Amino acid sequence: MRRYIASLLLFALVAGAAAADAPDMRRTKKLIATGWDKPTAARLRENLELMEQRPFDGVVIEIEGRVDAKKTCRMRAAFSGEPWRREWFADSVADLKACKFKRFTDNFITVGANPGNVDWFDDEGWRQIVEHWRIAAWLARQTKLKGILFDPEPYTPPHAQFRYAAQPQRDRHTFEEYCAKARQRGAEVMHAVAEEYPNLTIFCYFMNVVNATATGAADPRPLLAGSHYGLYVPFVDGWFDAAPTTVTLVDGCEMGYRFNSEREYLEAALKIKGDCQELVAPENRAQYRAQVQASFGIYLDAYWNPPTSPWFIDGKGGSRVARLGANVTTALRVADEYVWVYGEKFRWWPTPNRGVKKETWEEALPGCEDALRFARDPIECGRAKLASGKLVNLARNGDFGSERSVTSDGAEVKWKEGRAPAGWSTWQTKDSHGVFTWDREAGAAGKGSARAANVAEGCFIQSGAAKPDERYAVAVVCRLQGRGDARIRVRWQTPGGKWTAEELDKVFVVSGPRGEWREGLGVVTVPETAGKLVVLLGVSGQQSADDVAWFDDVRISKLE
């Protein structure tokens, strides 16, 4: 136990000294909404207030240009030889500029590889495709969007832009020649978009991971020649030939739709970040490693569909909504930044798409919205539930207001003069000579508090029964005087009391002005091997009796 607590408190001492000036070092993870209810710019403007109530950080937007009074053009049809004009998209620009985003920080406009009827050797046709991408990047920058969402899938038969067998000149040009031309076109596209928007993000539903089976071969081209996306590989390679270091590329790993285990997400991330480097030229691999993010798609319909559907995810003994929450939590943990949520049958917001049912996703899959909220930001979710006042506080003598309490086994204990508060034990290193007591006077609510002084490294401790997969919010307030700092740690024991799952220890800080009561809050999920949750109120770096930490209002609440 000592080495884990000592490492925690040593970190607290170092981190606490610079906390006032430290930048926020967290990797913020984000949920992006897309699917059959994706809005146009006009519908986004009309429904923005409603849409931002959903548990997402951004949305994929369908852009429509107005050619004339009768004809429109969709940006998803970018792989065509028809010329576009920027002024066609003036209404979309105006609508997006009118949106006052509060929650949606990361929005993308969709570009598709359809109709895909331009041959790679058609210079004039590709001049138009490149211009279409340029207009998309221009529009994204003009409206302060994050970038472009690229969907490479061929929805318009019989065209398939990235399939060698579908190319009109395949009898005249070898696969290798098509690869060279596709790489050239990729570079042309990237040069255009980066010129318009140097720090944009190109978010792909899938990138090189779709061809991961071609890795491991000395020459992947024979395998790619028969692939539906064989020419996508050199096209992406061309992106790296021209991309400045400010561009971010996201491999969305659409095959994650069926993932239902931590291992699958981890394996996919390894493929994207590791194996798939083999599909770009050696001179581009360092850039690939630096600029490509791993992401995952969540297919909501798979959590609603019947078991007879090929797109079905079971609950593994629990509810399917609980599996949704668990899988999104894993996806966000493994992803570099983004997880995208795709739905077809139901809706999050109004849509004129007749293929979408009238029910919302929350109506069709009760609890799904809360599951997404918790996965996206468990702290925010836990704080809201604690604020409701409906949760039971499982901490024993958590307000430090009583001389009597009970142990985790239910035995009554009474406070002894000069000792820790009733219901709490203590620990400190051998070279620490601190004093742990019950302070009846100095409490945030006036009932008393736990007091630690002159503690080099140590903590107050309390444990309680818990079951695997249960979720808990752990909250505490703390006040510091003099030197030293405080951190809260949650650890795990087996039902028999042995330490377990040390790698899943949870540490959280107590934030706020020094010298005042400040709050710390963490949310944890009980590991499979655990039967007890252990809370450690840690203190470090104190050097004299005048250095004091007070803890109060400890709340340990199960989140239903």
Protein backbone atom coordinates (compact mmCIF):
# COMPACT_ATOMS: atom_id res chain seq x y z
CA MET A 1 0.00 0.00 0.00
CA ARG A 2 2.80 2.36 0.88
CA ARG A 3 4.28 2.65 -2.58
CA TYR A 4 0.95 3.57 -4.18
CA ILE A 5 0.01 6.18 -1.61
CA ALA A 6 3.55 7.58 -1.56
CA SER A 7 3.53 8.00 -5.33
CA LEU A 8 0.17 9.77 -5.11
CA LEU A 9 1.34 12.16 -2.44
CA LEU A 10 4.68 12.87 -4.08
CA PHE A 11 2.80 13.80 -7.25
CA ALA A 12 0.46 15.98 -5.21
CA LEU A 13 3.40 17.87 -3.69
CA VAL A 14 5.00 18.59 -7.05
CA ALA A 15 1.77 19.32 -8.91
CA GLY A 16 0.29 21.42 -6.16
CA ALA A 17 3.20 23.86 -6.13
CA ALA A 18 2.63 24.78 -9.77
CA ALA A 19 -1.16 24.34 -9.90
CA ALA A 20 -1.91 28.04 -10.02
CA ASP A 21 0.05 28.53 -13.23
CA ALA A 22 -0.42 25.12 -14.90
CA PRO A 23 -2.37 24.87 -18.16
CA ASP A 24 -5.21 22.39 -18.52
CA MET A 25 -3.35 19.27 -19.69
CA ARG A 26 -6.36 17.01 -20.13
CA ARG A 27 -7.16 15.43 -23.49
CA THR A 28 -10.76 16.46 -23.96
CA LYS A 29 -12.85 13.71 -25.54
CA LYS A 30 -15.86 14.61 -27.66
CA LEU A 31 -19.02 12.98 -29.00
CA ILE A 32 -20.07 13.95 -32.53
CA ALA A 33 -23.62 13.31 -33.73
CA THR A 34 -24.34 12.15 -37.26
CA GLY A 35 -26.80 9.93 -39.08
CA TRP A 36 -30.02 10.12 -41.03
CA ASP A 37 -31.24 13.11 -39.00
CA LYS A 38 -28.18 15.23 -39.80
CA PRO A 39 -29.28 18.86 -40.26
CA THR A 40 -28.76 21.28 -43.07
CA ALA A 41 -27.35 24.66 -42.13
CA ALA A 42 -30.88 26.10 -42.11
CA ARG A 43 -32.27 23.37 -39.83
CA LEU A 44 -29.28 23.71 -37.52
CA ARG A 45 -29.96 27.42 -37.15
CA GLU A 46 -33.67 26.80 -36.58
CA ASN A 47 -33.24 24.03 -33.98
CA LEU A 48 -29.89 24.92 -32.38
CA GLU A 49 -31.25 25.55 -28.87
CA LEU A 50 -32.97 22.15 -28.82
CA MET A 51 -30.02 20.37 -30.41
CA GLU A 52 -27.51 21.69 -27.90
CA GLN A 53 -29.52 20.08 -25.10
CA ARG A 54 -28.45 16.67 -26.39
CA PRO A 55 -25.22 15.03 -25.06
CA PHE A 56 -22.96 15.98 -27.98
CA ASP A 57 -20.05 18.31 -28.61
CA GLY A 58 -20.74 18.79 -32.29
CA VAL A 59 -22.75 17.70 -35.28
CA VAL A 60 -22.22 16.75 -38.91
CA ILE A 61 -23.98 19.18 -41.24
CA GLU A 62 -25.41 18.55 -44.69
CA ILE A 63 -24.61 21.50 -46.97
CA GLU A 64 -26.85 22.32 -49.90
CA GLY A 65 -26.03 24.90 -52.54
CA ARG A 66 -28.69 26.82 -54.46
CA VAL A 67 -27.88 26.61 -58.19
CA ASP A 68 -31.07 28.33 -59.33
CA ALA A 69 -34.72 28.52 -58.39
CA LYS A 70 -35.24 24.80 -59.07
CA LYS A 71 -31.88 23.11 -58.68
CA THR A 72 -29.67 22.46 -55.67
CA CYS A 73 -26.33 20.74 -55.27
CA ARG A 74 -25.21 18.79 -52.23
CA MET A 75 -21.66 18.92 -50.98
CA ARG A 76 -21.78 15.17 -50.38
CA ALA A 77 -21.70 14.84 -54.21
CA ALA A 78 -18.22 16.38 -54.43
CA PHE A 79 -16.72 13.67 -56.66
CA SER A 80 -18.30 14.89 -59.85
CA GLY A 81 -17.01 16.83 -62.85
CA GLU A 82 -19.66 19.54 -62.61
CA PRO A 83 -18.36 23.04 -61.83
CA TRP A 84 -19.53 24.70 -58.60
CA ARG A 85 -19.64 28.34 -57.62
CA ARG A 86 -19.12 29.69 -54.12
CA GLU A 87 -22.10 31.99 -54.27
CA TRP A 88 -24.38 28.94 -54.48
CA PHE A 89 -23.60 28.34 -50.81
CA ALA A 90 -24.23 31.89 -49.58
CA ASP A 91 -27.41 30.90 -47.71
CA SER A 92 -25.59 28.11 -45.87
CA VAL A 93 -22.80 30.48 -44.91
CA ALA A 94 -25.32 33.00 -43.60
CA ASP A 95 -27.20 30.36 -41.58
CA LEU A 96 -24.03 28.99 -40.01
CA LYS A 97 -22.69 32.44 -39.17
CA ALA A 98 -26.01 33.17 -37.44
CA CYS A 99 -25.61 30.14 -35.14
CA LYS A 100 -24.41 31.17 -31.67
CA PHE A 101 -22.89 27.90 -30.54
CA LYS A 102 -22.63 27.29 -26.80
CA ARG A 103 -22.14 23.53 -26.52
CA PHE A 104 -21.38 22.50 -30.12
CA THR A 105 -17.69 23.36 -30.34
CA ASP A 106 -16.70 20.80 -33.01
CA ASN A 107 -18.93 20.86 -36.09
CA PHE A 108 -18.18 19.38 -39.51
CA ILE A 109 -19.64 19.70 -42.98
CA THR A 110 -19.97 16.46 -44.91
CA VAL A 111 -18.20 15.75 -48.18
CA GLY A 112 -18.87 12.45 -49.95
CA ALA A 113 -17.13 10.41 -52.63
CA ASN A 114 -20.22 10.39 -54.82
CA PRO A 115 -21.22 10.05 -57.57
CA GLY A 116 -17.60 8.98 -58.13
CA ASN A 117 -17.90 9.01 -61.91
CA VAL A 118 -14.69 10.93 -62.68
CA ASP A 119 -11.77 8.84 -63.88
CA TRP A 120 -8.50 9.47 -62.06
CA PHE A 121 -6.83 10.36 -65.39
CA ASP A 122 -9.48 12.98 -66.22
CA ASP A 123 -7.59 16.23 -65.57
CA GLU A 124 -10.56 18.53 -66.14
CA GLY A 125 -12.89 16.40 -64.01
CA TRP A 126 -10.36 16.38 -61.19
CA ARG A 127 -9.86 20.10 -61.44
CA GLN A 128 -13.55 20.40 -60.52
CA ILE A 129 -13.33 17.85 -57.67
CA VAL A 130 -10.39 19.71 -56.19
CA GLU A 131 -12.37 22.95 -56.45
CA HIS A 132 -15.31 21.29 -54.67
CA TRP A 133 -13.01 20.37 -51.77
CA ARG A 134 -11.61 23.90 -51.80
CA ILE A 135 -15.11 25.36 -51.51
CA ALA A 136 -15.87 22.99 -48.61
CA ALA A 137 -12.75 24.12 -46.75
CA TRP A 138 -13.51 27.76 -47.49
CA LEU A 139 -17.05 27.35 -46.15
CA ALA A 140 -15.82 25.62 -42.98
CA ARG A 141 -13.33 28.37 -42.26
CA GLN A 142 -15.75 31.18 -43.08
CA THR A 143 -18.25 29.77 -40.57
CA LYS A 144 -15.69 28.78 -37.91
CA LEU A 145 -16.43 25.08 -38.12
CA LYS A 146 -13.88 22.45 -37.13
CA GLY A 147 -13.52 21.05 -40.62
CA ILE A 148 -14.74 18.44 -43.09
CA LEU A 149 -16.34 15.04 -42.49
CA PHE A 150 -15.39 12.80 -45.42
CA ASP A 151 -17.51 9.76 -46.26
CA PRO A 152 -15.64 7.56 -48.80
CA GLU A 153 -18.50 5.07 -49.26
CA PRO A 154 -19.97 4.76 -52.78
CA TYR A 155 -23.74 5.16 -52.37
CA THR A 156 -24.43 5.79 -56.06
CA PRO A 157 -24.10 2.66 -58.21
CA PRO A 158 -22.41 1.63 -60.34
CA HIS A 159 -19.64 4.13 -59.54
CA ALA A 160 -16.98 3.39 -56.92
CA GLN A 161 -14.27 6.01 -56.92
CA PHE A 162 -11.72 3.92 -55.03
CA ARG A 163 -12.28 0.52 -56.63
CA TYR A 164 -9.83 -0.30 -59.39
CA ALA A 165 -12.24 -2.71 -61.11
CA ALA A 166 -14.77 0.11 -61.50
CA GLN A 167 -12.40 2.50 -63.30
CA PRO A 168 -13.29 3.20 -66.96
CA GLN A 169 -9.68 3.00 -68.16
CA ARG A 170 -8.59 -0.09 -66.23
CA ASP A 171 -7.87 -1.85 -69.53
CA ARG A 172 -5.44 0.92 -70.48
CA HIS A 173 -3.77 1.59 -67.14
CA THR A 174 -2.37 -0.82 -64.60
CA PHE A 175 -3.29 -0.70 -60.93
CA GLU A 176 0.14 0.77 -60.20
CA GLU A 177 -0.49 3.57 -62.70
CA TYR A 178 -3.86 4.29 -61.10
CA CYS A 179 -2.17 4.36 -57.69
CA ALA A 180 0.30 6.98 -58.88
CA LYS A 181 -2.50 9.10 -60.27
CA ALA A 182 -4.63 8.70 -57.10
CA ARG A 183 -1.69 9.87 -54.99
CA GLN A 184 -1.31 12.89 -57.25
CA ARG A 185 -5.02 13.73 -56.87
CA GLY A 186 -4.83 13.34 -53.09
CA ALA A 187 -1.99 15.84 -52.97
CA GLU A 188 -3.96 18.25 -55.15
CA VAL A 189 -6.97 18.03 -52.85
CA MET A 190 -4.91 18.55 -49.72
CA HIS A 191 -3.03 21.48 -51.21
CA ALA A 192 -6.36 23.17 -51.99
CA VAL A 193 -8.03 22.63 -48.61
CA ALA A 194 -4.92 23.53 -46.62
CA GLU A 195 -4.51 26.71 -48.62
CA GLU A 196 -8.07 27.71 -47.68
CA TYR A 197 -8.02 26.42 -44.09
CA PRO A 198 -4.49 25.59 -42.84
CA ASN A 199 -5.54 24.14 -39.48
CA LEU A 200 -8.67 22.24 -40.44
CA THR A 201 -9.57 18.72 -39.36
CA ILE A 202 -10.51 16.13 -41.98
CA PHE A 203 -12.63 13.58 -40.14
CA CYS A 204 -13.14 10.38 -42.15
CA TYR A 205 -15.76 7.75 -41.33
CA PHE A 206 -12.86 5.45 -42.09
CA MET A 207 -9.38 5.95 -43.46
CA ASN A 208 -6.56 3.41 -43.84
CA VAL A 209 -8.10 1.04 -41.30
CA VAL A 210 -10.53 -0.12 -44.01
CA ASN A 211 -7.53 -1.70 -45.75
CA ALA A 212 -5.83 -3.03 -42.61
CA THR A 213 -5.91 -6.59 -43.99
CA ALA A 214 -3.38 -5.50 -46.62
CA THR A 215 -0.78 -4.73 -43.94
CA GLY A 216 1.90 -7.25 -43.10
CA ALA A 217 2.76 -7.89 -46.76
CA ALA A 218 6.04 -6.73 -48.28
CA ASP A 219 3.99 -5.34 -51.18
CA PRO A 220 0.34 -4.61 -50.31
CA ARG A 221 -0.62 -3.62 -53.85
CA PRO A 222 -1.76 -7.08 -55.04
CA LEU A 223 -4.18 -7.18 -52.10
CA LEU A 224 -5.32 -3.60 -52.66
CA ALA A 225 -5.93 -4.16 -56.37
CA GLY A 226 -8.96 -6.31 -55.56
CA SER A 227 -10.20 -4.18 -52.69
CA HIS A 228 -13.25 -1.92 -52.92
CA TYR A 229 -11.04 0.82 -51.43
CA GLY A 230 -7.70 -0.06 -52.98
CA LEU A 231 -7.20 3.40 -54.52
CA TYR A 232 -8.14 5.11 -51.27
CA VAL A 233 -4.70 4.17 -49.89
CA PRO A 234 -2.65 6.18 -52.43
CA PHE A 235 -5.23 8.99 -52.33
CA VAL A 236 -4.63 9.33 -48.56
CA ASP A 237 -0.89 9.01 -49.11
CA GLY A 238 -1.16 12.05 -51.38
CA TRP A 239 -2.73 13.95 -48.50
CA PHE A 240 0.49 13.51 -46.54
CA ASP A 241 2.56 14.65 -49.52
CA ALA A 242 0.90 18.07 -49.30
CA ALA A 243 -0.46 18.43 -45.75
CA PRO A 244 1.05 21.07 -43.49
CA THR A 245 1.67 20.00 -39.90
CA THR A 246 -1.35 22.05 -38.81
CA VAL A 247 -3.87 19.68 -40.46
CA THR A 248 -5.42 16.91 -38.35
CA LEU A 249 -6.68 13.67 -39.92
CA VAL A 250 -9.12 11.37 -38.12
CA ASP A 251 -9.59 7.68 -38.95
CA GLY A 252 -13.16 7.11 -37.76
CA CYS A 253 -13.01 3.28 -37.86
CA GLU A 254 -16.60 2.71 -38.98
CA MET A 255 -16.13 -1.04 -38.43
CA GLY A 256 -16.38 -0.21 -34.73
CA TYR A 257 -20.17 -0.42 -35.19
CA ARG A 258 -20.08 -4.04 -33.99
CA PHE A 259 -17.45 -3.69 -31.26
CA ASN A 260 -18.62 -4.97 -27.89
CA SER A 261 -15.44 -5.36 -25.86
CA GLU A 262 -12.49 -3.34 -24.67
CA ARG A 263 -10.15 -5.62 -26.60
CA GLU A 264 -11.77 -4.80 -29.94
CA TYR A 265 -11.33 -1.06 -29.42
CA LEU A 266 -7.74 -1.48 -28.31
CA GLU A 267 -6.89 -3.76 -31.24
CA ALA A 268 -8.43 -1.33 -33.71
CA ALA A 269 -6.47 1.58 -32.24
CA LEU A 270 -3.27 -0.45 -32.58
CA LYS A 271 -4.09 -1.09 -36.23
CA ILE A 272 -4.79 2.57 -36.95
CA LYS A 273 -1.78 3.93 -35.09
CA GLY A 274 0.59 1.09 -35.90
CA ASP A 275 -0.07 -1.38 -38.72
CA CYS A 276 -1.74 1.14 -41.03
CA GLN A 277 1.46 3.15 -41.27
CA GLU A 278 2.54 0.46 -43.75
CA LEU A 279 -0.04 1.81 -46.19
CA VAL A 280 1.70 5.18 -46.59
CA ALA A 281 5.08 5.84 -48.13
CA PRO A 282 8.02 5.52 -45.70
CA GLU A 283 8.77 9.23 -46.07
CA ASN A 284 5.23 10.03 -44.84
CA ARG A 285 5.14 7.76 -41.79
CA ALA A 286 6.44 10.23 -39.25
CA GLN A 287 3.79 12.67 -40.42
CA TYR A 288 1.16 9.92 -40.23
CA ARG A 289 2.12 9.20 -36.62
CA ALA A 290 1.98 12.87 -35.72
CA GLN A 291 -1.26 13.86 -37.45
CA VAL A 292 -3.61 10.86 -37.55
CA GLN A 293 -6.08 10.34 -34.73
CA ALA A 294 -7.90 7.12 -33.89
CA SER A 295 -11.67 7.43 -33.56
CA PHE A 296 -14.63 5.04 -33.44
CA GLY A 297 -18.18 4.92 -34.72
CA ILE A 298 -21.08 3.92 -32.46
CA TYR A 299 -24.11 2.56 -34.34
CA LEU A 300 -27.16 3.26 -32.17
CA ASP A 301 -29.46 0.99 -34.17
CA ALA A 302 -27.37 -2.03 -33.13
CA TYR A 303 -28.52 -1.45 -29.53
CA TRP A 304 -32.19 -1.39 -30.60
CA ASN A 305 -32.32 -4.01 -33.37
CA PRO A 306 -33.64 -7.53 -32.61
CA PRO A 307 -31.22 -10.47 -32.17
CA THR A 308 -32.04 -11.65 -35.68
CA SER A 309 -30.42 -8.55 -37.17
CA PRO A 310 -26.83 -8.79 -38.40
CA TRP A 311 -26.41 -5.41 -36.70
CA PHE A 312 -27.17 -6.48 -33.13
CA ILE A 313 -25.22 -5.89 -29.91
CA ASP A 314 -26.33 -7.84 -26.84
CA GLY A 315 -26.16 -6.67 -23.26
CA LYS A 316 -23.75 -9.37 -22.02
CA GLY A 317 -26.07 -10.21 -19.17
CA GLY A 318 -27.16 -6.63 -18.53
CA SER A 319 -29.29 -4.11 -20.37
CA ARG A 320 -28.33 -3.08 -23.86
CA VAL A 321 -28.37 0.58 -22.80
CA ALA A 322 -25.80 -0.30 -20.15
CA ARG A 323 -23.68 -1.91 -22.89
CA LEU A 324 -24.05 1.25 -24.96
CA GLY A 325 -22.72 3.29 -22.05
CA ALA A 326 -19.87 0.86 -21.42
CA ASN A 327 -18.84 0.75 -25.09
CA VAL A 328 -18.97 4.53 -25.52
CA THR A 329 -16.93 4.93 -22.34
CA THR A 330 -14.31 2.53 -23.71
CA ALA A 331 -14.35 4.14 -27.15
CA LEU A 332 -13.78 7.60 -25.66
CA ARG A 333 -10.97 6.32 -23.44
CA VAL A 334 -9.17 4.63 -26.35
CA ALA A 335 -9.83 7.33 -28.97
CA ASP A 336 -7.47 10.26 -29.36
CA GLU A 337 -10.25 12.84 -29.33
CA TYR A 338 -13.49 11.92 -31.11
CA VAL A 339 -16.19 9.27 -31.01
CA TRP A 340 -19.04 9.64 -33.46
CA VAL A 341 -22.57 8.40 -32.86
CA TYR A 342 -24.56 7.32 -35.92
CA GLY A 343 -28.28 6.62 -35.94
CA GLU A 344 -30.76 5.74 -38.66
CA LYS A 345 -34.21 4.63 -37.44
CA PHE A 346 -34.86 7.36 -34.87
CA ARG A 347 -33.95 10.99 -34.31
CA TRP A 348 -32.34 13.36 -31.84
CA TRP A 349 -33.99 16.44 -33.36
CA PRO A 350 -36.50 17.36 -36.08
CA THR A 351 -35.76 16.06 -39.57
CA PRO A 352 -37.76 15.89 -42.80
CA ASN A 353 -36.15 12.53 -43.67
CA ARG A 354 -39.08 10.13 -44.14
CA GLY A 355 -36.82 7.16 -43.50
CA VAL A 356 -36.53 8.23 -39.87
CA LYS A 357 -39.29 7.31 -37.42
CA LYS A 358 -41.10 9.99 -35.45
CA GLU A 359 -39.82 8.73 -32.07
CA THR A 360 -36.68 10.17 -30.54
CA TRP A 361 -33.76 7.97 -29.59
CA GLU A 362 -34.57 8.45 -25.91
CA GLU A 363 -38.12 7.25 -26.53
CA ALA A 364 -36.98 4.24 -28.54
CA LEU A 365 -34.06 3.35 -26.27
CA PRO A 366 -34.90 4.70 -22.80
CA GLY A 367 -31.83 5.72 -20.86
CA CYS A 368 -29.58 6.06 -23.89
CA GLU A 369 -29.20 9.81 -23.47
CA ASP A 370 -28.11 9.46 -19.86
CA ALA A 371 -25.70 6.69 -20.87
CA LEU A 372 -24.09 8.98 -23.43
CA ARG A 373 -23.93 11.86 -20.99
CA PHE A 374 -22.18 9.75 -18.38
CA ALA A 375 -19.71 8.32 -20.90
CA ARG A 376 -18.94 11.77 -22.29
CA ASP A 377 -18.41 13.51 -18.95
CA PRO A 378 -18.90 11.38 -15.81
CA ILE A 379 -17.89 14.28 -13.54
CA GLU A 380 -20.53 16.60 -14.96
CA CYS A 381 -23.11 13.82 -14.75
CA GLY A 382 -22.13 12.91 -11.18
CA ARG A 383 -22.24 16.54 -10.04
CA ALA A 384 -25.74 16.97 -11.48
CA LYS A 385 -27.01 13.83 -9.74
CA LEU A 386 -25.47 14.86 -6.42
CA ALA A 387 -27.05 18.31 -6.75
CA SER A 388 -30.47 16.70 -7.16
CA GLY A 389 -30.38 15.66 -3.48
CA LYS A 390 -31.87 12.26 -4.33
CA LEU A 391 -28.75 10.14 -3.79
CA VAL A 392 -28.01 8.30 -0.55
CA ASN A 393 -24.69 9.18 1.10
CA LEU A 394 -22.93 5.92 1.97
CA ALA A 395 -20.00 7.59 3.76
CA ARG A 396 -20.02 6.82 7.48
CA ASN A 397 -19.72 9.98 9.54
CA GLY A 398 -18.95 11.82 6.33
CA ASP A 399 -19.91 15.16 7.87
CA PHE A 400 -17.57 14.52 10.84
CA GLY A 401 -20.30 15.58 13.22
CA SER A 402 -20.54 12.55 15.50
CA GLU A 403 -18.53 10.87 18.23
CA ARG A 404 -19.93 7.52 17.13
CA SER A 405 -19.97 5.64 13.84
CA VAL A 406 -19.80 2.09 12.51
CA THR A 407 -17.17 0.08 10.69
CA SER A 408 -17.68 -1.39 7.23
CA ASP A 409 -18.86 -4.55 9.01
CA GLY A 410 -21.49 -2.66 11.01
CA ALA A 411 -19.72 -2.70 14.36
CA GLU A 412 -20.16 0.46 16.43
CA VAL A 413 -17.04 2.51 17.16
CA LYS A 414 -16.54 5.55 19.41
CA TRP A 415 -14.11 8.39 18.90
CA LYS A 416 -11.08 8.51 21.19
CA GLU A 417 -9.39 11.73 22.20
CA GLY A 418 -6.45 12.61 19.94
CA ARG A 419 -7.44 10.05 17.31
CA ALA A 420 -9.05 10.22 13.84
CA PRO A 421 -12.80 10.90 13.58
CA ALA A 422 -15.09 7.98 14.35
CA GLY A 423 -15.47 5.66 11.37
CA TRP A 424 -12.12 6.66 9.85
CA SER A 425 -8.66 5.10 10.06
CA THR A 426 -5.31 6.67 9.07
CA TRP A 427 -1.98 5.82 7.47
CA GLN A 428 1.31 7.68 7.05
CA THR A 429 4.84 6.82 6.02
CA LYS A 430 7.40 5.90 8.68
CA ASP A 431 9.27 9.17 8.23
CA SER A 432 6.05 11.20 8.55
CA HIS A 433 5.20 12.40 12.06
CA GLY A 434 1.82 13.98 11.45
CA VAL A 435 -1.19 14.24 13.72
CA PHE A 436 -4.62 13.06 12.53
CA THR A 437 -7.50 14.29 14.68
CA TRP A 438 -11.14 15.27 14.83
CA ASP A 439 -11.58 19.04 14.81
CA ARG A 440 -14.99 19.78 16.34
CA GLU A 441 -14.83 23.51 15.57
CA ALA A 442 -13.43 23.94 12.05
CA GLY A 443 -15.98 22.45 9.69
CA ALA A 444 -17.46 23.67 6.42
CA ALA A 445 -20.95 23.15 7.84
CA GLY A 446 -20.04 23.84 11.45
CA LYS A 447 -20.29 20.20 12.59
CA GLY A 448 -16.59 19.39 12.60
CA SER A 449 -13.96 18.07 10.22
CA ALA A 450 -11.06 15.66 9.85
CA ARG A 451 -7.77 17.46 10.59
CA ALA A 452 -4.25 16.51 9.47
CA ALA A 453 -1.16 18.52 10.51
CA ASN A 454 2.59 18.10 9.93
CA VAL A 455 1.96 15.14 7.61
CA ALA A 456 4.74 14.47 5.11
CA GLU A 457 2.74 11.68 3.47
CA GLY A 458 -0.46 10.16 4.81
CA CYS A 459 -4.22 9.89 4.61
CA PHE A 460 -7.58 9.27 6.27
CA ILE A 461 -9.16 5.98 5.09
CA GLN A 462 -12.65 4.53 4.84
CA SER A 463 -13.89 1.50 2.89
CA GLY A 464 -17.28 0.12 1.97
CA ALA A 465 -18.85 -2.75 0.06
CA ALA A 466 -19.28 -2.36 -3.70
CA LYS A 467 -20.15 -4.59 -6.64
CA PRO A 468 -18.48 -4.81 -10.08
CA ASP A 469 -19.76 -2.34 -12.68
CA GLU A 470 -21.47 -0.14 -10.09
CA ARG A 471 -20.75 3.57 -10.46
CA TYR A 472 -20.09 5.94 -7.57
CA ALA A 473 -19.63 9.66 -7.13
CA VAL A 474 -17.09 10.55 -4.42
CA ALA A 475 -17.11 14.16 -3.25
CA VAL A 476 -15.27 16.04 -0.48
CA VAL A 477 -14.45 19.60 0.54
CA CYS A 478 -11.05 20.58 1.86
CA ARG A 479 -9.27 23.62 3.30
CA LEU A 480 -5.50 24.07 3.43
CA GLN A 481 -3.32 26.21 5.68
CA GLY A 482 0.41 26.72 5.22
CA ARG A 483 2.41 24.29 3.14
CA GLY A 484 1.32 20.96 1.74
CA ASP A 485 -1.44 19.78 -0.54
CA ALA A 486 -4.34 17.33 -0.71
CA ARG A 487 -5.55 14.76 -3.21
CA ILE A 488 -8.31 12.15 -3.09
CA ARG A 489 -7.73 8.59 -4.21
CA VAL A 490 -10.18 5.74 -4.69
CA ARG A 491 -8.73 2.24 -4.56
CA TRP A 492 -10.13 -1.29 -4.72
CA GLN A 493 -10.09 -4.40 -2.58
CA THR A 494 -11.46 -7.88 -3.09
CA PRO A 495 -14.38 -8.96 -0.87
CA GLY A 496 -11.71 -10.53 1.35
CA GLY A 497 -9.82 -7.27 1.77
CA LYS A 498 -6.85 -7.74 -0.57
CA TRP A 499 -5.78 -4.90 -2.86
CA THR A 500 -6.78 -5.40 -6.48
CA ALA A 501 -6.88 -3.57 -9.83
CA GLU A 502 -4.24 -1.04 -8.74
CA GLU A 503 -3.97 0.20 -12.32
CA LEU A 504 -7.59 1.37 -12.04
CA ASP A 505 -7.01 3.58 -8.99
CA LYS A 506 -8.74 6.93 -9.44
CA VAL A 507 -7.08 10.16 -8.28
CA PHE A 508 -8.77 13.55 -8.30
CA VAL A 509 -7.85 16.98 -7.07
CA VAL A 510 -9.48 19.44 -4.71
CA SER A 511 -9.71 22.68 -6.66
CA GLY A 512 -10.27 26.28 -5.63
CA PRO A 513 -8.53 29.15 -3.80
CA ARG A 514 -6.06 28.10 -1.13
CA GLY A 515 -7.19 28.95 2.41
CA GLU A 516 -10.87 28.50 1.54
CA TRP A 517 -13.11 25.44 1.52
CA ARG A 518 -12.84 23.89 -1.94
CA GLU A 519 -14.48 20.92 -3.60
CA GLY A 520 -13.12 17.73 -5.11
CA LEU A 521 -15.30 15.31 -7.06
CA GLY A 522 -14.55 12.03 -8.79
CA VAL A 523 -16.68 9.37 -10.46
CA VAL A 524 -15.58 5.75 -10.52
CA THR A 525 -16.73 2.39 -11.88
CA VAL A 526 -16.08 -0.69 -9.76
CA PRO A 527 -13.72 -3.18 -11.48
CA GLU A 528 -14.64 -6.83 -11.99
CA THR A 529 -12.32 -8.13 -9.26
CA ALA A 530 -13.39 -5.67 -6.57
CA GLY A 531 -15.76 -6.08 -3.67
CA LYS A 532 -14.78 -2.99 -1.70
CA LEU A 533 -14.32 0.67 -2.53
CA VAL A 534 -11.62 2.43 -0.47
CA VAL A 535 -11.49 6.24 -0.16
CA LEU A 536 -8.18 7.87 0.81
CA LEU A 537 -8.15 11.55 1.84
CA GLY A 538 -4.48 12.19 1.15
CA VAL A 539 -2.13 14.86 2.52
CA SER A 540 1.48 15.53 1.51
CA GLY A 541 4.27 18.08 1.85
CA GLN A 542 3.45 19.45 5.29
CA GLN A 543 6.53 20.42 7.30
CA SER A 544 5.31 21.76 10.65
CA ALA A 545 2.39 21.73 13.05
CA ASP A 546 1.20 24.97 11.44
CA ASP A 547 0.65 23.20 8.13
CA VAL A 548 -2.91 21.87 8.27
CA ALA A 549 -5.47 20.21 6.01
CA TRP A 550 -9.15 19.93 6.95
CA PHE A 551 -11.58 17.56 5.19
CA ASP A 552 -15.36 17.73 5.44
CA ASP A 553 -18.65 16.77 3.78
CA VAL A 554 -17.47 13.44 2.33
CA ARG A 555 -20.13 11.93 0.09
CA ILE A 556 -19.96 8.46 -1.42
CA SER A 557 -23.07 7.91 -3.53
CA LYS A 558 -24.06 5.13 -5.87
CA LEU A 559 -25.14 6.45 -9.27
CA GLU A 560 -28.19 4.58 -10.55
